[in-house]
Protein backbone atom coordinates (compact mmCIF):
# COMPACT_ATOMS: atom_id res chain seq x y z
CA MET A 1 109.88 106.36 128.13
CA GLU A 2 112.24 109.14 126.76
CA LYS A 3 110.85 111.61 124.05
CA ASN A 4 112.58 109.95 120.98
CA PHE A 5 112.07 106.36 121.92
CA LEU A 6 109.90 104.24 119.71
CA ARG A 7 108.61 100.68 119.87
CA ILE A 8 107.26 99.62 116.62
CA ALA A 9 105.91 96.08 115.48
CA HIS A 10 106.52 94.96 111.91
CA ILE A 11 104.37 91.97 110.49
CA SER A 12 103.43 91.40 106.85
CA ASP A 13 102.06 88.93 104.37
CA LEU A 14 98.56 88.37 106.74
CA HIS A 15 96.94 86.44 103.77
CA TYR A 16 93.50 86.55 105.09
CA SER A 17 91.77 84.33 102.68
CA LYS A 18 88.28 83.46 101.63
CA THR A 19 87.37 80.54 98.92
CA SER A 20 85.73 81.84 96.08
CA TRP A 21 83.05 79.75 93.82
CA ASN A 22 82.21 82.69 91.34
CA PRO A 23 82.92 81.29 87.92
CA LEU A 24 83.90 84.67 86.77
CA GLN A 25 87.03 84.40 88.37
CA PHE A 26 88.25 82.11 85.35
CA PHE A 27 88.34 85.28 83.61
CA SER A 28 91.20 86.36 85.70
CA LYS A 29 94.01 85.49 87.66
CA ARG A 30 92.00 84.80 90.74
CA TRP A 31 91.33 81.21 89.78
CA ILE A 32 94.75 80.58 90.45
CA GLY A 33 95.02 81.99 94.04
CA ASN A 34 91.89 79.91 94.80
CA LEU A 35 93.49 76.72 93.43
CA ASN A 36 96.71 77.30 95.48
CA LEU A 37 94.42 78.41 98.25
CA LEU A 38 92.59 74.76 98.26
CA LEU A 39 95.58 72.92 97.58
CA SER A 40 98.30 74.28 100.03
CA ARG A 41 97.89 77.88 101.67
CA LYS A 42 94.65 77.33 103.68
CA LYS A 43 96.82 74.38 105.49
CA GLU A 44 99.99 76.69 106.12
CA TYR A 45 98.24 79.50 107.85
CA GLU A 46 96.73 79.86 111.53
CA HIS A 47 95.15 83.30 111.71
CA GLN A 48 93.79 82.76 115.29
CA ARG A 49 97.39 83.58 116.27
CA LEU A 50 96.89 87.21 115.32
CA LEU A 51 93.97 87.72 117.85
CA SER A 52 96.56 87.88 120.69
CA LEU A 53 98.67 90.79 118.91
CA PRO A 54 96.34 93.55 120.08
CA GLU A 55 96.89 92.86 123.98
CA PHE A 56 100.45 91.61 123.19
CA PHE A 57 101.52 94.88 121.59
CA LYS A 58 99.81 97.27 123.94
CA ASN A 59 101.45 95.28 126.99
CA ALA A 60 104.67 95.45 125.01
CA SER A 61 104.37 99.23 124.98
CA VAL A 62 104.17 99.09 121.09
CA SER A 63 103.25 102.48 119.56
CA HIS A 64 102.89 101.60 115.77
CA VAL A 65 102.29 98.52 113.77
CA LEU A 66 103.64 98.31 110.33
CA ILE A 67 102.08 96.01 108.02
CA THR A 68 104.11 95.77 104.63
CA GLY A 69 101.42 94.40 102.46
CA ASP A 70 99.50 91.04 101.18
CA LEU A 71 96.88 91.53 103.65
CA SER A 72 94.61 89.57 101.60
CA THR A 73 95.13 86.42 99.22
CA THR A 74 93.11 87.29 96.19
CA SER A 75 91.82 90.76 96.66
CA LEU A 76 88.38 89.76 97.65
CA GLU A 77 86.44 92.26 99.50
CA GLN A 78 85.48 89.57 102.11
CA GLU A 79 89.31 89.12 102.74
CA PHE A 80 89.96 92.89 103.06
CA ASP A 81 86.91 92.79 105.47
CA LEU A 82 88.83 90.29 107.59
CA ALA A 83 92.11 92.44 107.40
CA ALA A 84 90.13 95.24 108.13
CA ASP A 85 88.57 93.83 111.41
CA PHE A 86 92.11 92.73 112.44
CA ILE A 87 93.42 96.26 112.17
CA SER A 88 90.33 97.79 113.90
CA SER A 89 91.27 95.40 117.03
CA LEU A 90 94.65 97.12 116.98
CA LYS A 91 93.68 100.46 116.89
CA ALA A 92 91.11 99.55 119.76
CA ALA A 93 93.88 98.73 121.71
CA GLY A 94 95.27 102.19 121.17
CA LEU A 95 97.95 101.48 118.27
CA SER A 96 98.82 103.41 115.34
CA VAL A 97 98.21 101.06 112.27
CA LEU A 98 100.20 101.87 108.81
CA THR A 99 99.62 99.59 105.86
CA ILE A 100 100.65 99.26 102.37
CA PRO A 101 99.37 97.01 99.73
CA GLY A 102 101.31 93.92 98.38
CA ASN A 103 100.84 92.08 94.99
CA HIS A 104 98.03 90.28 96.37
CA ASP A 105 96.21 93.30 97.33
CA GLN A 106 96.40 94.05 93.62
CA TYR A 107 95.62 90.54 92.46
CA THR A 108 93.38 91.27 89.51
CA LYS A 109 93.22 94.17 86.76
CA LYS A 110 89.74 95.44 87.76
CA VAL A 111 90.91 95.67 91.64
CA TYR A 112 94.05 97.51 90.45
CA ARG A 113 91.87 99.79 88.27
CA ASP A 114 89.57 100.31 90.99
CA SER A 115 91.96 100.96 93.88
CA LEU A 116 89.72 98.59 95.97
CA PHE A 117 92.64 98.47 98.56
CA TYR A 118 92.28 102.02 99.22
CA GLN A 119 88.42 101.65 99.88
CA PHE A 120 89.66 99.66 103.09
CA PHE A 121 92.88 101.15 104.32
CA ASP A 122 94.09 104.50 104.51
CA ALA A 123 96.10 106.42 101.85
CA SER A 124 97.34 109.44 103.87
CA PHE A 125 97.48 110.65 107.39
CA SER A 126 95.79 113.57 108.86
CA GLY A 127 97.73 116.08 111.13
CA LYS A 128 99.64 119.26 111.05
CA ASN A 129 102.74 117.85 109.48
CA GLN A 130 102.87 119.71 105.77
CA LEU A 131 104.79 116.37 104.50
CA GLU A 132 101.78 114.23 105.84
CA GLN A 133 99.20 116.44 104.07
CA LYS A 134 101.33 116.70 101.00
CA TRP A 135 101.67 112.85 99.79
CA ASN A 136 99.03 110.44 99.43
CA LEU A 137 99.91 106.88 98.93
CA LYS A 138 96.92 106.12 96.44
CA GLU A 139 97.70 109.12 94.40
CA HIS A 140 101.53 109.62 94.60
CA LYS A 141 102.64 105.80 95.49
CA VAL A 142 104.54 107.63 98.45
CA ALA A 143 103.36 108.90 102.12
CA ILE A 144 104.81 109.96 105.21
CA LYS A 145 103.94 109.45 108.84
CA GLN A 146 105.77 111.60 111.62
CA LEU A 147 106.52 109.10 114.36
CA ASN A 148 108.27 111.32 116.50
CA ASP A 149 110.71 114.59 116.73
CA ASN A 150 113.55 112.36 114.85
CA TRP A 151 111.70 110.00 113.14
CA LYS A 152 109.62 109.53 110.03
CA LEU A 153 108.05 106.75 108.05
CA VAL A 154 107.83 106.66 104.55
CA LEU A 155 105.65 104.26 102.80
CA LEU A 156 106.09 103.35 99.28
CA ASP A 157 103.53 101.37 97.03
CA THR A 158 105.18 99.43 94.34
CA ALA A 159 102.48 96.56 94.01
CA ILE A 160 100.49 96.24 90.62
CA ALA A 161 98.32 93.83 89.08
CA THR A 162 100.44 90.98 86.98
CA PRO A 163 99.58 88.19 84.47
CA PHE A 164 98.94 84.61 85.69
CA TYR A 165 102.62 83.73 86.06
CA SER A 166 104.04 86.74 87.81
CA SER A 167 104.03 88.34 91.21
CA ARG A 168 106.33 91.05 90.37
CA GLY A 169 106.11 94.69 91.64
CA LEU A 170 106.88 98.01 89.71
CA PHE A 171 109.05 100.93 91.11
CA SER A 172 107.55 103.25 88.26
CA LEU A 173 108.96 106.33 87.20
CA GLU A 174 106.10 108.12 88.80
CA ALA A 175 106.77 106.68 92.30
CA GLU A 176 110.88 107.21 91.90
CA LYS A 177 110.21 110.92 91.06
CA ASN A 178 107.80 111.06 94.03
CA LEU A 179 110.08 109.21 96.35
CA GLU A 180 112.79 111.48 95.30
CA ALA A 181 110.83 114.49 95.74
CA ALA A 182 109.43 113.54 99.36
CA LEU A 183 112.73 112.22 100.68
CA SER A 184 114.43 115.52 99.24
CA GLU A 185 111.95 117.43 101.51
CA ILE A 186 113.09 115.70 104.77
CA ALA A 187 115.92 117.36 106.54
CA LEU A 188 119.26 115.79 106.89
CA ASP A 189 118.87 115.70 110.77
CA GLN A 190 115.90 113.47 110.42
CA ASN A 191 115.84 109.90 110.00
CA VAL A 192 113.76 107.72 108.16
CA LEU A 193 112.34 104.19 108.14
CA LEU A 194 111.29 103.17 104.22
CA ALA A 195 108.48 100.46 103.82
CA ASN A 196 107.69 98.78 100.85
CA HIS A 197 106.20 95.41 100.22
CA PHE A 198 109.29 94.24 97.92
CA PRO A 199 112.79 94.01 98.79
CA PHE A 200 115.22 96.35 96.82
CA PHE A 201 117.36 93.61 95.71
CA GLU A 202 116.25 91.21 92.88
CA GLY A 203 114.55 88.19 94.15
CA ASP A 204 115.28 84.24 93.52
CA SER A 205 112.99 84.45 90.52
CA ASP A 206 112.41 86.91 87.83
CA ARG A 207 108.75 86.12 88.18
CA THR A 208 108.65 87.59 91.90
CA THR A 209 111.12 90.46 91.61
CA LEU A 210 110.64 94.18 91.91
CA LEU A 211 110.99 95.90 88.36
CA ARG A 212 113.34 98.91 88.13
CA SER A 213 114.82 97.81 91.86
CA GLU A 214 118.26 99.18 90.67
CA HIS A 215 116.73 102.56 90.71
CA LEU A 216 115.22 102.01 93.97
CA ARG A 217 118.78 100.79 95.56
CA ALA A 218 120.36 103.94 93.93
CA LEU A 219 117.70 106.16 95.63
CA VAL A 220 118.08 104.38 99.03
CA LYS A 221 121.96 104.61 99.01
CA ARG A 222 121.67 108.35 97.84
CA PHE A 223 119.73 109.33 101.05
CA SER A 224 121.60 108.74 104.19
CA GLN A 225 118.52 109.62 106.07
CA ILE A 226 117.22 106.13 105.41
CA LYS A 227 118.55 104.09 108.44
CA ILE A 228 115.81 100.97 108.06
CA TYR A 229 114.18 99.61 105.37
CA LEU A 230 111.36 97.19 106.01
CA HIS A 231 109.72 94.72 103.52
CA GLY A 232 107.82 91.58 103.21
CA HIS A 233 107.04 89.41 100.01
CA THR A 234 109.36 86.64 100.51
CA HIS A 235 107.82 84.93 103.18
CA ARG A 236 111.10 84.64 104.80
CA HIS A 237 112.39 86.36 107.95
CA CYS A 238 115.53 88.42 107.65
CA ILE A 239 117.75 90.86 109.13
CA ALA A 240 120.60 92.21 107.44
CA ASP A 241 122.75 95.35 108.51
CA LEU A 242 124.13 96.61 105.15
CA ARG A 243 125.37 99.86 106.54
CA SER A 244 128.81 98.98 105.88
CA SER A 245 128.05 98.62 101.96
CA GLY A 246 125.97 102.31 102.22
CA TYR A 247 122.60 100.70 102.35
CA PRO A 248 120.66 100.86 105.72
CA ILE A 249 119.46 98.01 107.92
CA VAL A 250 116.96 95.55 106.05
CA LEU A 251 114.01 93.95 107.87
CA ASP A 252 111.65 91.25 106.56
CA SER A 253 109.20 89.95 109.13
CA GLY A 254 108.16 87.06 107.02
CA SER A 255 104.79 85.93 106.66
CA THR A 256 103.43 86.35 110.43
CA PRO A 257 100.63 83.75 110.59
CA HIS A 258 102.43 81.04 108.78
CA ARG A 259 102.21 77.81 110.74
CA SER A 260 106.06 77.14 110.75
CA LYS A 261 107.87 80.49 109.36
CA GLY A 262 105.80 82.89 111.10
CA ALA A 263 107.39 85.95 112.89
CA ILE A 264 107.14 89.47 114.21
CA ASN A 265 109.93 92.07 114.41
CA LEU A 266 109.82 94.28 117.36
CA ILE A 267 111.82 97.24 116.76
CA GLU A 268 113.12 99.50 119.59
CA ILE A 269 114.66 102.51 118.68
CA SER A 270 116.39 105.04 121.10
CA LYS A 271 119.23 107.31 120.56
CA GLU A 272 121.64 104.84 121.37
CA GLY A 273 120.47 102.46 118.52
CA CYS A 274 118.11 99.95 116.98
CA ASP A 275 117.25 96.86 118.91
CA ILE A 276 115.43 94.11 117.21
CA GLN A 277 113.49 91.20 118.90
CA VAL A 278 112.31 88.43 116.54
CA LEU A 279 109.09 87.10 117.90
CA GLN A 280 107.83 83.59 116.70
CA TRP A 281 104.78 81.59 117.75
CA LYS A 282 105.75 78.91 120.45
CA SER A 283 103.20 75.76 121.11
CA GLY A 284 102.69 75.38 124.78
CA GLU A 285 103.78 72.45 126.74
CA ASN A 286 103.07 71.09 130.20
CA ALA A 287 100.18 73.13 130.65
CA GLN A 288 101.82 76.28 129.41
CA PRO A 289 99.66 78.74 126.86
CA SER A 290 100.61 78.78 123.23
CA GLN A 291 102.27 82.50 122.89
CA TRP A 292 104.46 84.82 121.16
CA GLN A 293 108.12 84.36 122.40
CA ALA A 294 111.39 85.84 121.75
CA SER A 295 113.63 83.85 119.44
CA ARG A 296 116.37 86.09 118.36
CA HIS A 297 117.98 89.27 119.44
CA VAL A 298 120.03 91.89 117.35
CA ASN A 299 121.44 95.15 118.40
CA CYS A 300 122.52 97.65 116.12
CA PRO A 301 124.02 100.67 117.52
CA TRP A 302 124.41 104.26 116.03
CA SER A 303 124.69 107.74 116.76
CA ILE A 304 121.62 110.09 115.94
CA ARG A 305 122.60 113.53 115.31
């Protein structure tokens, strides 16, 4: 395998869930999440499918697994425990796992205030790289991971606690300042994958969009090192090559364990370009096992300095 070859698995919106019967939930947004879980969401997800991923990714020579938020449904500790167990299984297979929170991981004001997500999942990365040591996702809303000699992953946290009727994110002034500073410290001959739970374009509804997304779009367009933008949140798989408009390639993996719409982006990066395979769950027929199979293939060539 060539030195600067990367194979990354992008998954999102796992929505591990536990029904809560605690009456205190009626003093927070959690009762809405539990009602939705009982009426629909619990029937829409098949988390057993995720159990095959550690071995599948290992056999596919994946080095890094990126989870772009919504590991939980209502930010219960039991839900984070389930997600943490899944991540432990990936790490046991020798995979590097990187996570950011989604709006469901900051579901209540108390969870957000106590930074509960970061009690379960890493906020920074240890290593000799000074940028990795400098930026902390919990403290700065930005973190950096060196993937190889030519590529860095920049993680962005825009998830906030919201009112009953909202699932917005916020690209805050603090996050904007820190992201601009972090990107300015990355050499022009380096390439960046930028990961955020929310898309940087406005959503279908004002209640689900990323506030101040126009400022994030401006930064993404300004820093040419950003070659790929990865997100979740919409539950709709998407591959959009926006380079002709001055933006990067945009990838949404959808909600991976969803029964009918679940998907995985398997991203292969080399000096020739970015090769993306979309994997979807195929139910076995005629004694064939159910498994993840490639359903779409997109190649995006480029020249890396």
